[in-house]
Amino acid sequence: MTVATLSSKFQLGIPKAVRDELGLKSGQKFTVIVKGSVIELVPVRSMDEMRGLLRGASTLEVRDRRDRF
């Protein structure tokens, strides 16, 4: 488990092991999501980075008009 400390200026450093594993870069932006007492940092991706993300995804469980009233 990796630990980070909140500074007196409310800044949080992301440990090098996590940065390397996720391929994070300096200046990268994050969306901050609060779920109860948990804070999630989700990297903001450009449309170019998202291209092909869902390639090969199954559409078998996609809703269709049969389950609507």
Protein backbone atom coordinates (compact mmCIF):
# COMPACT_ATOMS: atom_id res chain seq x y z
CA MET A 1 0.00 0.00 0.00
CA THR A 2 1.36 3.39 -1.00
CA VAL A 3 0.89 6.42 1.26
CA ALA A 4 0.79 10.11 0.30
CA THR A 5 0.75 13.12 2.65
CA LEU A 6 -1.36 16.24 2.21
CA SER A 7 0.82 19.37 2.50
CA SER A 8 -0.02 22.55 4.43
CA LYS A 9 -1.02 24.06 1.04
CA PHE A 10 -3.45 21.15 0.51
CA GLN A 11 -1.30 19.63 -2.24
CA LEU A 12 -0.97 15.90 -2.64
CA GLY A 13 2.02 14.26 -4.28
CA ILE A 14 1.40 11.07 -6.28
CA PRO A 15 4.10 8.49 -5.46
CA LYS A 16 6.52 7.59 -8.27
CA ALA A 17 5.46 3.92 -8.33
CA VAL A 18 1.86 4.98 -9.04
CA ARG A 19 2.90 7.59 -11.64
CA ASP A 20 5.02 5.01 -13.46
CA GLU A 21 2.32 2.32 -13.34
CA LEU A 22 -0.36 4.65 -14.75
CA GLY A 23 1.91 6.58 -17.11
CA LEU A 24 1.04 9.95 -15.57
CA LYS A 25 2.78 13.10 -16.80
CA SER A 26 3.50 16.49 -15.27
CA GLY A 27 0.69 18.99 -15.87
CA GLN A 28 -1.89 16.28 -16.55
CA LYS A 29 -5.45 17.14 -15.48
CA PHE A 30 -7.72 14.98 -13.31
CA THR A 31 -11.42 14.86 -12.57
CA VAL A 32 -12.00 14.72 -8.80
CA ILE A 33 -14.90 12.49 -7.72
CA VAL A 34 -16.03 12.28 -4.09
CA LYS A 35 -17.85 9.12 -2.98
CA GLY A 36 -18.58 9.33 0.72
CA SER A 37 -15.17 9.51 2.40
CA VAL A 38 -13.31 8.34 -0.73
CA ILE A 39 -11.64 10.68 -3.25
CA GLU A 40 -11.13 9.34 -6.79
CA LEU A 41 -8.75 11.04 -9.21
CA VAL A 42 -9.61 10.14 -12.80
CA PRO A 43 -7.19 11.27 -15.52
CA VAL A 44 -8.84 13.47 -18.16
CA ARG A 45 -8.20 11.88 -21.55
CA SER A 46 -8.39 13.54 -24.95
CA MET A 47 -10.65 12.14 -27.65
CA ASP A 48 -7.57 10.88 -29.50
CA GLU A 49 -6.50 8.88 -26.42
CA MET A 50 -10.02 7.43 -26.11
CA ARG A 51 -10.09 6.25 -29.74
CA GLY A 52 -10.39 2.45 -29.88
CA LEU A 53 -11.01 2.10 -26.14
CA LEU A 54 -14.18 0.05 -26.64
CA ARG A 55 -12.98 -1.91 -29.67
CA GLY A 56 -14.00 -5.54 -29.26
CA ALA A 57 -16.54 -4.82 -26.51
CA SER A 58 -19.53 -7.16 -26.44
CA THR A 59 -22.91 -5.67 -27.31
CA LEU A 60 -24.90 -8.69 -26.15
CA GLU A 61 -26.14 -7.04 -22.95
CA VAL A 62 -27.00 -3.67 -24.50
CA ARG A 63 -30.54 -2.48 -23.79
CA ASP A 64 -32.94 -2.32 -26.67
CA ARG A 65 -36.57 -1.25 -27.14
CA ARG A 66 -37.99 -4.54 -25.80
CA ASP A 67 -37.34 -3.55 -22.17
CA ARG A 68 -39.03 -0.14 -22.45
CA PHE A 69 -42.66 0.59 -21.65
